All heavy atoms as atom14 arrays in JSON, in Angstrom:
{
  "sequence": "GARAPIAIIGTAGRFPGAADVDALWKNLVAGLDSVSFFPPEALGEVPE",
  "atom14_mask": [
    [1, 1, 1, 1, 0, 0, 0, 0, 0, 0, 0, 0, 0, 0],
    [1, 1, 1, 1, 1, 0, 0, 0, 0, 0, 0, 0, 0, 0],
    [1, 1, 1, 1, 1, 1, 1, 1, 1, 1, 1, 0, 0, 0],
    [1, 1, 1, 1, 1, 0, 0, 0, 0, 0, 0, 0, 0, 0],
    [1, 1, 1, 1, 1, 1, 1, 0, 0, 0, 0, 0, 0, 0],
    [1, 1, 1, 1, 1, 1, 1, 1, 0, 0, 0, 0, 0, 0],
    [1, 1, 1, 1, 1, 0, 0, 0, 0, 0, 0, 0, 0, 0],
    [1, 1, 1, 1, 1, 1, 1, 1, 0, 0, 0, 0, 0, 0],
    [1, 1, 1, 1, 1, 1, 1, 1, 0, 0, 0, 0, 0, 0],
    [1, 1, 1, 1, 0, 0, 0, 0, 0, 0, 0, 0, 0, 0],
    [1, 1, 1, 1, 1, 1, 1, 0, 0, 0, 0, 0, 0, 0],
    [1, 1, 1, 1, 1, 0, 0, 0, 0, 0, 0, 0, 0, 0],
    [1, 1, 1, 1, 0, 0, 0, 0, 0, 0, 0, 0, 0, 0],
    [1, 1, 1, 1, 1, 1, 1, 1, 1, 1, 1, 0, 0, 0],
    [1, 1, 1, 1, 1, 1, 1, 1, 1, 1, 1, 0, 0, 0],
    [1, 1, 1, 1, 1, 1, 1, 0, 0, 0, 0, 0, 0, 0],
    [1, 1, 1, 1, 0, 0, 0, 0, 0, 0, 0, 0, 0, 0],
    [1, 1, 1, 1, 1, 0, 0, 0, 0, 0, 0, 0, 0, 0],
    [1, 1, 1, 1, 1, 0, 0, 0, 0, 0, 0, 0, 0, 0],
    [1, 1, 1, 1, 1, 1, 1, 1, 0, 0, 0, 0, 0, 0],
    [1, 1, 1, 1, 1, 1, 1, 0, 0, 0, 0, 0, 0, 0],
    [1, 1, 1, 1, 1, 1, 1, 1, 0, 0, 0, 0, 0, 0],
    [1, 1, 1, 1, 1, 0, 0, 0, 0, 0, 0, 0, 0, 0],
    [1, 1, 1, 1, 1, 1, 1, 1, 0, 0, 0, 0, 0, 0],
    [1, 1, 1, 1, 1, 1, 1, 1, 1, 1, 1, 1, 1, 1],
    [1, 1, 1, 1, 1, 1, 1, 1, 1, 0, 0, 0, 0, 0],
    [1, 1, 1, 1, 1, 1, 1, 1, 0, 0, 0, 0, 0, 0],
    [1, 1, 1, 1, 1, 1, 1, 1, 0, 0, 0, 0, 0, 0],
    [1, 1, 1, 1, 1, 1, 1, 0, 0, 0, 0, 0, 0, 0],
    [1, 1, 1, 1, 1, 0, 0, 0, 0, 0, 0, 0, 0, 0],
    [1, 1, 1, 1, 0, 0, 0, 0, 0, 0, 0, 0, 0, 0],
    [1, 1, 1, 1, 1, 1, 1, 1, 0, 0, 0, 0, 0, 0],
    [1, 1, 1, 1, 1, 1, 1, 1, 0, 0, 0, 0, 0, 0],
    [1, 1, 1, 1, 1, 1, 0, 0, 0, 0, 0, 0, 0, 0],
    [1, 1, 1, 1, 1, 1, 1, 0, 0, 0, 0, 0, 0, 0],
    [1, 1, 1, 1, 1, 1, 0, 0, 0, 0, 0, 0, 0, 0],
    [1, 1, 1, 1, 1, 1, 1, 1, 1, 1, 1, 0, 0, 0],
    [1, 1, 1, 1, 1, 1, 1, 1, 1, 1, 1, 0, 0, 0],
    [1, 1, 1, 1, 1, 1, 1, 0, 0, 0, 0, 0, 0, 0],
    [1, 1, 1, 1, 1, 1, 1, 0, 0, 0, 0, 0, 0, 0],
    [1, 1, 1, 1, 1, 1, 1, 1, 1, 0, 0, 0, 0, 0],
    [1, 1, 1, 1, 1, 0, 0, 0, 0, 0, 0, 0, 0, 0],
    [1, 1, 1, 1, 1, 1, 1, 1, 0, 0, 0, 0, 0, 0],
    [1, 1, 1, 1, 0, 0, 0, 0, 0, 0, 0, 0, 0, 0],
    [1, 1, 1, 1, 1, 1, 1, 1, 1, 0, 0, 0, 0, 0],
    [1, 1, 1, 1, 1, 1, 1, 0, 0, 0, 0, 0, 0, 0],
    [1, 1, 1, 1, 1, 1, 1, 0, 0, 0, 0, 0, 0, 0],
    [1, 1, 1, 1, 1, 1, 1, 1, 1, 0, 0, 0, 0, 0]
  ],
  "atom14_positions": [
    [[157.67, 264.74, 337.1], [157.55, 265.32, 338.43], [156.25, 264.93, 339.11], [155.28, 264.6, 338.45], [0.0, 0.0, 0.0], [0.0, 0.0, 0.0], [0.0, 0.0, 0.0], [0.0, 0.0, 0.0], [0.0, 0.0, 0.0], [0.0, 0.0, 0.0], [0.0, 0.0, 0.0], [0.0, 0.0, 0.0], [0.0, 0.0, 0.0], [0.0, 0.0, 0.0]],
    [[156.2, 265.17, 340.44], [155.03, 264.8, 341.2], [153.82, 265.6, 340.73], [152.65, 265.19, 340.96], [155.25, 264.96, 342.7], [0.0, 0.0, 0.0], [0.0, 0.0, 0.0], [0.0, 0.0, 0.0], [0.0, 0.0, 0.0], [0.0, 0.0, 0.0], [0.0, 0.0, 0.0], [0.0, 0.0, 0.0], [0.0, 0.0, 0.0], [0.0, 0.0, 0.0]],
    [[154.02, 266.79, 340.23], [152.83, 267.65, 339.81], [152.88, 267.83, 338.28], [152.27, 268.79, 337.75], [153.04, 269.11, 340.46], [152.85, 269.03, 341.97], [153.0, 270.35, 342.52], [152.74, 270.33, 343.97], [152.78, 271.43, 344.79], [153.08, 272.61, 344.24], [152.55, 271.36, 346.07], [0.0, 0.0, 0.0], [0.0, 0.0, 0.0], [0.0, 0.0, 0.0]],
    [[153.35, 266.86, 337.57], [153.37, 266.99, 336.11], [151.97, 267.11, 335.52], [151.08, 266.41, 335.98], [154.06, 265.73, 335.5], [0.0, 0.0, 0.0], [0.0, 0.0, 0.0], [0.0, 0.0, 0.0], [0.0, 0.0, 0.0], [0.0, 0.0, 0.0], [0.0, 0.0, 0.0], [0.0, 0.0, 0.0], [0.0, 0.0, 0.0], [0.0, 0.0, 0.0]],
    [[151.81, 268.07, 334.57], [150.52, 268.19, 333.96], [150.3, 266.98, 333.06], [151.22, 266.46, 332.38], [150.67, 269.49, 333.09], [152.08, 269.65, 332.88], [152.83, 269.05, 334.12], [0.0, 0.0, 0.0], [0.0, 0.0, 0.0], [0.0, 0.0, 0.0], [0.0, 0.0, 0.0], [0.0, 0.0, 0.0], [0.0, 0.0, 0.0], [0.0, 0.0, 0.0]],
    [[148.97, 266.59, 332.9], [148.52, 265.43, 332.17], [147.55, 265.87, 331.11], [146.6, 266.59, 331.39], [147.91, 264.41, 333.12], [148.86, 264.0, 334.2], [147.47, 263.19, 332.28], [150.12, 263.27, 333.85], [0.0, 0.0, 0.0], [0.0, 0.0, 0.0], [0.0, 0.0, 0.0], [0.0, 0.0, 0.0], [0.0, 0.0, 0.0], [0.0, 0.0, 0.0]],
    [[147.81, 265.46, 329.86], [146.96, 265.86, 328.72], [145.79, 264.87, 328.57], [145.98, 263.68, 328.77], [147.81, 265.96, 327.51], [0.0, 0.0, 0.0], [0.0, 0.0, 0.0], [0.0, 0.0, 0.0], [0.0, 0.0, 0.0], [0.0, 0.0, 0.0], [0.0, 0.0, 0.0], [0.0, 0.0, 0.0], [0.0, 0.0, 0.0], [0.0, 0.0, 0.0]],
    [[144.64, 265.49, 328.25], [143.54, 264.65, 327.77], [143.61, 264.49, 326.28], [143.64, 265.51, 325.54], [142.17, 265.3, 328.07], [141.95, 265.4, 329.62], [141.02, 264.51, 327.46], [140.83, 266.19, 330.14], [0.0, 0.0, 0.0], [0.0, 0.0, 0.0], [0.0, 0.0, 0.0], [0.0, 0.0, 0.0], [0.0, 0.0, 0.0], [0.0, 0.0, 0.0]],
    [[143.94, 263.29, 325.71], [144.22, 263.2, 324.27], [143.12, 262.4, 323.52], [143.19, 262.25, 322.32], [145.59, 262.55, 324.08], [145.56, 261.1, 324.58], [146.69, 263.35, 324.64], [146.83, 260.3, 324.17], [0.0, 0.0, 0.0], [0.0, 0.0, 0.0], [0.0, 0.0, 0.0], [0.0, 0.0, 0.0], [0.0, 0.0, 0.0], [0.0, 0.0, 0.0]],
    [[142.12, 261.84, 324.2], [141.06, 261.13, 323.61], [139.79, 261.04, 324.46], [139.96, 261.02, 325.66], [0.0, 0.0, 0.0], [0.0, 0.0, 0.0], [0.0, 0.0, 0.0], [0.0, 0.0, 0.0], [0.0, 0.0, 0.0], [0.0, 0.0, 0.0], [0.0, 0.0, 0.0], [0.0, 0.0, 0.0], [0.0, 0.0, 0.0], [0.0, 0.0, 0.0]],
    [[138.63, 261.0, 323.8], [137.42, 260.93, 324.62], [136.44, 260.1, 323.85], [136.43, 259.94, 322.64], [136.8, 262.41, 324.75], [136.47, 262.89, 323.55], [137.74, 263.28, 325.46], [0.0, 0.0, 0.0], [0.0, 0.0, 0.0], [0.0, 0.0, 0.0], [0.0, 0.0, 0.0], [0.0, 0.0, 0.0], [0.0, 0.0, 0.0], [0.0, 0.0, 0.0]],
    [[135.51, 259.55, 324.61], [134.32, 258.86, 324.09], [133.24, 258.77, 325.11], [133.56, 258.72, 326.34], [134.72, 257.45, 323.64], [0.0, 0.0, 0.0], [0.0, 0.0, 0.0], [0.0, 0.0, 0.0], [0.0, 0.0, 0.0], [0.0, 0.0, 0.0], [0.0, 0.0, 0.0], [0.0, 0.0, 0.0], [0.0, 0.0, 0.0], [0.0, 0.0, 0.0]],
    [[131.99, 258.77, 324.7], [130.94, 258.8, 325.67], [129.57, 258.6, 325.06], [129.39, 258.82, 323.89], [0.0, 0.0, 0.0], [0.0, 0.0, 0.0], [0.0, 0.0, 0.0], [0.0, 0.0, 0.0], [0.0, 0.0, 0.0], [0.0, 0.0, 0.0], [0.0, 0.0, 0.0], [0.0, 0.0, 0.0], [0.0, 0.0, 0.0], [0.0, 0.0, 0.0]],
    [[128.62, 258.24, 325.89], [127.2, 258.14, 325.5], [126.43, 258.74, 326.63], [126.62, 258.46, 327.83], [126.78, 256.65, 325.3], [127.53, 255.93, 324.23], [127.17, 254.41, 324.17], [128.04, 253.7, 323.31], [128.13, 252.36, 323.37], [127.39, 251.6, 324.16], [129.05, 251.78, 322.54], [0.0, 0.0, 0.0], [0.0, 0.0, 0.0], [0.0, 0.0, 0.0]],
    [[125.45, 259.55, 326.26], [124.72, 260.36, 327.25], [123.23, 260.41, 326.87], [122.89, 260.15, 325.72], [125.33, 261.82, 327.33], [126.85, 261.76, 327.43], [127.65, 261.84, 326.35], [127.42, 261.7, 328.7], [129.03, 261.84, 326.45], [128.79, 261.67, 328.81], [129.57, 261.77, 327.67], [0.0, 0.0, 0.0], [0.0, 0.0, 0.0], [0.0, 0.0, 0.0]],
    [[122.4, 260.78, 327.76], [120.96, 260.91, 327.42], [120.81, 261.85, 326.29], [121.32, 263.02, 326.35], [120.34, 261.42, 328.66], [121.21, 260.94, 329.8], [122.59, 260.99, 329.25], [0.0, 0.0, 0.0], [0.0, 0.0, 0.0], [0.0, 0.0, 0.0], [0.0, 0.0, 0.0], [0.0, 0.0, 0.0], [0.0, 0.0, 0.0], [0.0, 0.0, 0.0]],
    [[120.23, 261.43, 325.19], [120.03, 262.29, 324.07], [121.24, 262.61, 323.2], [121.2, 263.38, 322.25], [0.0, 0.0, 0.0], [0.0, 0.0, 0.0], [0.0, 0.0, 0.0], [0.0, 0.0, 0.0], [0.0, 0.0, 0.0], [0.0, 0.0, 0.0], [0.0, 0.0, 0.0], [0.0, 0.0, 0.0], [0.0, 0.0, 0.0], [0.0, 0.0, 0.0]],
    [[122.36, 261.88, 323.51], [123.58, 262.09, 322.78], [124.34, 260.84, 322.68], [124.78, 260.25, 323.61], [124.41, 263.2, 323.46], [0.0, 0.0, 0.0], [0.0, 0.0, 0.0], [0.0, 0.0, 0.0], [0.0, 0.0, 0.0], [0.0, 0.0, 0.0], [0.0, 0.0, 0.0], [0.0, 0.0, 0.0], [0.0, 0.0, 0.0], [0.0, 0.0, 0.0]],
    [[124.5, 260.38, 321.36], [125.16, 259.07, 321.14], [126.67, 259.15, 321.16], [127.38, 258.12, 321.28], [124.72, 258.44, 319.72], [0.0, 0.0, 0.0], [0.0, 0.0, 0.0], [0.0, 0.0, 0.0], [0.0, 0.0, 0.0], [0.0, 0.0, 0.0], [0.0, 0.0, 0.0], [0.0, 0.0, 0.0], [0.0, 0.0, 0.0], [0.0, 0.0, 0.0]],
    [[127.23, 260.4, 321.24], [128.67, 260.57, 321.31], [128.96, 261.91, 321.8], [128.06, 262.7, 322.16], [129.34, 260.35, 319.94], [128.74, 261.25, 318.84], [128.39, 262.42, 319.1], [128.67, 260.75, 317.66], [0.0, 0.0, 0.0], [0.0, 0.0, 0.0], [0.0, 0.0, 0.0], [0.0, 0.0, 0.0], [0.0, 0.0, 0.0], [0.0, 0.0, 0.0]],
    [[130.3, 262.24, 321.98], [130.68, 263.45, 322.58], [130.31, 264.69, 321.75], [129.99, 265.75, 322.3], [132.22, 263.4, 322.78], [132.75, 264.77, 323.33], [132.54, 262.26, 323.8], [0.0, 0.0, 0.0], [0.0, 0.0, 0.0], [0.0, 0.0, 0.0], [0.0, 0.0, 0.0], [0.0, 0.0, 0.0], [0.0, 0.0, 0.0], [0.0, 0.0, 0.0]],
    [[130.48, 264.59, 320.39], [130.04, 265.67, 319.54], [128.56, 266.11, 319.73], [128.17, 267.29, 319.81], [130.36, 265.38, 318.08], [131.82, 265.37, 317.75], [132.55, 266.0, 318.55], [132.18, 264.76, 316.73], [0.0, 0.0, 0.0], [0.0, 0.0, 0.0], [0.0, 0.0, 0.0], [0.0, 0.0, 0.0], [0.0, 0.0, 0.0], [0.0, 0.0, 0.0]],
    [[127.67, 265.07, 319.79], [126.31, 265.31, 320.01], [125.99, 265.91, 321.42], [125.14, 266.78, 321.58], [125.49, 264.01, 319.89], [0.0, 0.0, 0.0], [0.0, 0.0, 0.0], [0.0, 0.0, 0.0], [0.0, 0.0, 0.0], [0.0, 0.0, 0.0], [0.0, 0.0, 0.0], [0.0, 0.0, 0.0], [0.0, 0.0, 0.0], [0.0, 0.0, 0.0]],
    [[126.84, 265.44, 322.34], [126.73, 266.03, 323.75], [126.99, 267.55, 323.66], [126.21, 268.37, 324.33], [127.69, 265.33, 324.68], [127.84, 266.03, 326.05], [126.6, 265.93, 326.92], [129.07, 265.51, 326.81], [0.0, 0.0, 0.0], [0.0, 0.0, 0.0], [0.0, 0.0, 0.0], [0.0, 0.0, 0.0], [0.0, 0.0, 0.0], [0.0, 0.0, 0.0]],
    [[128.04, 268.02, 323.02], [128.32, 269.41, 322.9], [127.17, 270.18, 322.34], [126.78, 271.23, 322.76], [129.65, 269.61, 322.22], [129.97, 271.09, 322.06], [130.03, 271.83, 320.93], [130.27, 271.94, 323.11], [130.33, 273.09, 321.23], [130.53, 273.26, 322.56], [130.35, 271.82, 324.53], [130.81, 274.39, 323.35], [130.71, 272.94, 325.3], [130.9, 274.19, 324.7]],
    [[126.61, 269.62, 321.2], [125.53, 270.34, 320.55], [124.37, 270.51, 321.5], [123.68, 271.59, 321.47], [125.1, 269.55, 319.26], [126.1, 269.59, 318.14], [125.65, 268.71, 316.97], [126.77, 268.67, 315.92], [126.4, 267.74, 314.83], [0.0, 0.0, 0.0], [0.0, 0.0, 0.0], [0.0, 0.0, 0.0], [0.0, 0.0, 0.0], [0.0, 0.0, 0.0]],
    [[124.07, 269.52, 322.23], [122.96, 269.61, 323.24], [123.23, 270.63, 324.33], [122.35, 271.38, 324.72], [122.65, 268.23, 323.85], [122.05, 267.28, 322.88], [121.64, 267.64, 321.76], [121.93, 266.05, 323.29], [0.0, 0.0, 0.0], [0.0, 0.0, 0.0], [0.0, 0.0, 0.0], [0.0, 0.0, 0.0], [0.0, 0.0, 0.0], [0.0, 0.0, 0.0]],
    [[124.5, 270.64, 324.79], [124.91, 271.55, 325.88], [124.75, 272.96, 325.36], [124.21, 273.84, 326.07], [126.29, 271.31, 326.36], [126.5, 269.95, 327.07], [127.99, 269.76, 327.44], [125.74, 269.93, 328.36], [0.0, 0.0, 0.0], [0.0, 0.0, 0.0], [0.0, 0.0, 0.0], [0.0, 0.0, 0.0], [0.0, 0.0, 0.0], [0.0, 0.0, 0.0]],
    [[125.23, 273.29, 324.17], [125.16, 274.6, 323.65], [123.77, 275.11, 323.43], [123.41, 276.25, 323.64], [125.99, 274.74, 322.39], [125.8, 276.09, 321.66], [127.49, 274.57, 322.62], [0.0, 0.0, 0.0], [0.0, 0.0, 0.0], [0.0, 0.0, 0.0], [0.0, 0.0, 0.0], [0.0, 0.0, 0.0], [0.0, 0.0, 0.0], [0.0, 0.0, 0.0]],
    [[122.92, 274.14, 322.99], [121.49, 274.41, 322.74], [120.72, 274.58, 324.02], [119.52, 274.97, 323.98], [120.94, 273.4, 321.89], [0.0, 0.0, 0.0], [0.0, 0.0, 0.0], [0.0, 0.0, 0.0], [0.0, 0.0, 0.0], [0.0, 0.0, 0.0], [0.0, 0.0, 0.0], [0.0, 0.0, 0.0], [0.0, 0.0, 0.0], [0.0, 0.0, 0.0]],
    [[121.32, 274.23, 325.15], [120.56, 274.34, 326.44], [119.47, 273.37, 326.55], [118.39, 273.62, 326.99], [0.0, 0.0, 0.0], [0.0, 0.0, 0.0], [0.0, 0.0, 0.0], [0.0, 0.0, 0.0], [0.0, 0.0, 0.0], [0.0, 0.0, 0.0], [0.0, 0.0, 0.0], [0.0, 0.0, 0.0], [0.0, 0.0, 0.0], [0.0, 0.0, 0.0]],
    [[119.75, 272.11, 326.09], [118.74, 271.1, 326.0], [118.61, 270.3, 327.19], [119.65, 269.79, 327.78], [119.07, 270.17, 324.77], [118.02, 269.09, 324.39], [116.78, 269.77, 323.88], [118.59, 268.18, 323.26], [0.0, 0.0, 0.0], [0.0, 0.0, 0.0], [0.0, 0.0, 0.0], [0.0, 0.0, 0.0], [0.0, 0.0, 0.0], [0.0, 0.0, 0.0]],
    [[117.4, 270.01, 327.74], [117.23, 269.16, 328.89], [116.9, 267.75, 328.23], [115.86, 267.66, 327.51], [116.04, 269.58, 329.74], [115.86, 268.67, 330.96], [116.08, 267.5, 330.89], [115.47, 269.25, 331.99], [0.0, 0.0, 0.0], [0.0, 0.0, 0.0], [0.0, 0.0, 0.0], [0.0, 0.0, 0.0], [0.0, 0.0, 0.0], [0.0, 0.0, 0.0]],
    [[117.74, 266.74, 328.46], [117.65, 265.46, 327.74], [116.94, 264.37, 328.54], [117.03, 263.18, 328.24], [118.96, 264.97, 327.23], [119.61, 265.93, 326.42], [0.0, 0.0, 0.0], [0.0, 0.0, 0.0], [0.0, 0.0, 0.0], [0.0, 0.0, 0.0], [0.0, 0.0, 0.0], [0.0, 0.0, 0.0], [0.0, 0.0, 0.0], [0.0, 0.0, 0.0]],
    [[116.3, 264.75, 329.63], [115.65, 263.76, 330.43], [114.32, 263.34, 329.77], [113.56, 264.2, 329.22], [115.28, 264.34, 331.88], [114.35, 263.46, 332.67], [116.6, 264.62, 332.61], [0.0, 0.0, 0.0], [0.0, 0.0, 0.0], [0.0, 0.0, 0.0], [0.0, 0.0, 0.0], [0.0, 0.0, 0.0], [0.0, 0.0, 0.0], [0.0, 0.0, 0.0]],
    [[114.04, 262.06, 329.79], [112.83, 261.49, 329.06], [111.67, 261.45, 330.06], [111.82, 261.06, 331.21], [113.16, 260.17, 328.53], [114.12, 260.19, 327.54], [0.0, 0.0, 0.0], [0.0, 0.0, 0.0], [0.0, 0.0, 0.0], [0.0, 0.0, 0.0], [0.0, 0.0, 0.0], [0.0, 0.0, 0.0], [0.0, 0.0, 0.0], [0.0, 0.0, 0.0]],
    [[110.49, 261.62, 329.56], [109.24, 261.41, 330.31], [108.66, 260.11, 329.79], [108.54, 259.85, 328.59], [108.25, 262.55, 330.09], [106.85, 262.22, 330.51], [106.52, 262.29, 331.88], [105.88, 261.91, 329.62], [105.22, 261.96, 332.24], [104.61, 261.6, 330.04], [104.28, 261.62, 331.32], [0.0, 0.0, 0.0], [0.0, 0.0, 0.0], [0.0, 0.0, 0.0]],
    [[108.19, 259.28, 330.67], [107.61, 258.03, 330.37], [106.12, 257.97, 330.66], [105.72, 258.05, 331.84], [108.28, 256.85, 331.01], [109.76, 256.71, 330.67], [110.72, 257.17, 331.56], [110.12, 256.21, 329.42], [112.11, 257.11, 331.22], [111.51, 256.13, 329.1], [112.47, 256.49, 330.01], [0.0, 0.0, 0.0], [0.0, 0.0, 0.0], [0.0, 0.0, 0.0]],
    [[105.24, 257.88, 329.69], [103.78, 257.71, 329.92], [103.46, 256.43, 330.67], [104.26, 255.54, 330.62], [103.2, 257.8, 328.52], [104.27, 257.33, 327.59], [105.54, 257.7, 328.27], [0.0, 0.0, 0.0], [0.0, 0.0, 0.0], [0.0, 0.0, 0.0], [0.0, 0.0, 0.0], [0.0, 0.0, 0.0], [0.0, 0.0, 0.0], [0.0, 0.0, 0.0]],
    [[102.27, 256.27, 331.21], [101.96, 255.09, 332.01], [102.15, 253.86, 331.19], [102.57, 252.85, 331.74], [100.48, 255.35, 332.36], [100.35, 256.84, 332.39], [101.3, 257.38, 331.34], [0.0, 0.0, 0.0], [0.0, 0.0, 0.0], [0.0, 0.0, 0.0], [0.0, 0.0, 0.0], [0.0, 0.0, 0.0], [0.0, 0.0, 0.0], [0.0, 0.0, 0.0]],
    [[101.75, 253.91, 329.86], [101.81, 252.64, 329.08], [103.27, 252.14, 328.86], [103.46, 250.98, 328.38], [101.11, 252.86, 327.71], [101.69, 253.95, 326.89], [101.07, 255.32, 327.07], [100.46, 255.53, 328.16], [101.25, 256.16, 326.2], [0.0, 0.0, 0.0], [0.0, 0.0, 0.0], [0.0, 0.0, 0.0], [0.0, 0.0, 0.0], [0.0, 0.0, 0.0]],
    [[104.27, 253.05, 329.09], [105.68, 252.64, 328.93], [106.23, 252.08, 330.16], [107.43, 251.6, 330.17], [106.46, 253.86, 328.43], [0.0, 0.0, 0.0], [0.0, 0.0, 0.0], [0.0, 0.0, 0.0], [0.0, 0.0, 0.0], [0.0, 0.0, 0.0], [0.0, 0.0, 0.0], [0.0, 0.0, 0.0], [0.0, 0.0, 0.0], [0.0, 0.0, 0.0]],
    [[105.51, 252.08, 331.25], [106.15, 251.72, 332.61], [105.73, 250.29, 333.08], [105.69, 250.0, 334.24], [105.67, 252.73, 333.65], [106.1, 254.14, 333.47], [105.35, 255.11, 334.43], [107.57, 254.3, 333.62], [0.0, 0.0, 0.0], [0.0, 0.0, 0.0], [0.0, 0.0, 0.0], [0.0, 0.0, 0.0], [0.0, 0.0, 0.0], [0.0, 0.0, 0.0]],
    [[105.53, 249.46, 332.05], [105.1, 248.09, 332.36], [105.95, 247.25, 333.31], [105.44, 246.35, 334.01], [0.0, 0.0, 0.0], [0.0, 0.0, 0.0], [0.0, 0.0, 0.0], [0.0, 0.0, 0.0], [0.0, 0.0, 0.0], [0.0, 0.0, 0.0], [0.0, 0.0, 0.0], [0.0, 0.0, 0.0], [0.0, 0.0, 0.0], [0.0, 0.0, 0.0]],
    [[107.28, 247.59, 333.29], [108.22, 246.75, 334.12], [108.29, 247.29, 335.53], [109.03, 246.62, 336.33], [109.58, 246.69, 333.38], [109.6, 245.78, 332.24], [111.07, 245.53, 331.8], [111.79, 244.83, 332.65], [111.39, 245.83, 330.69], [0.0, 0.0, 0.0], [0.0, 0.0, 0.0], [0.0, 0.0, 0.0], [0.0, 0.0, 0.0], [0.0, 0.0, 0.0]],
    [[107.75, 248.51, 335.76], [107.71, 249.05, 337.1], [106.6, 248.43, 337.87], [105.47, 248.41, 337.48], [107.6, 250.64, 337.03], [107.58, 251.19, 338.46], [108.7, 251.12, 336.2], [0.0, 0.0, 0.0], [0.0, 0.0, 0.0], [0.0, 0.0, 0.0], [0.0, 0.0, 0.0], [0.0, 0.0, 0.0], [0.0, 0.0, 0.0], [0.0, 0.0, 0.0]],
    [[106.86, 248.0, 339.16], [105.79, 247.38, 339.97], [104.63, 248.32, 340.08], [104.7, 249.56, 340.21], [106.4, 247.22, 341.31], [107.93, 247.05, 340.99], [108.14, 247.97, 339.84], [0.0, 0.0, 0.0], [0.0, 0.0, 0.0], [0.0, 0.0, 0.0], [0.0, 0.0, 0.0], [0.0, 0.0, 0.0], [0.0, 0.0, 0.0], [0.0, 0.0, 0.0]],
    [[103.41, 247.74, 340.0], [102.16, 248.52, 339.97], [102.06, 249.45, 341.21], [101.58, 250.63, 341.04], [100.95, 247.5, 339.93], [99.61, 248.14, 340.21], [99.16, 249.16, 339.17], [99.64, 249.06, 337.99], [98.46, 250.14, 339.46], [0.0, 0.0, 0.0], [0.0, 0.0, 0.0], [0.0, 0.0, 0.0], [0.0, 0.0, 0.0], [0.0, 0.0, 0.0]]
  ]
}
C-alpha cells in the first residue's frame, strides 16, 4: 500500500568518539560530548 510501514532491519555507522552504532549508544546514554579540541600545535594544516 501507499502508506505501508517499513522496517529498519540493519544499521552501521561511524561517529565522533564512536567507531560503531553500539559505541554511539553508550556515549548517548552517558551524556558524552564527543567534540574534539585541537591545541595550536595540531592545527598545522590550517592557514596561519
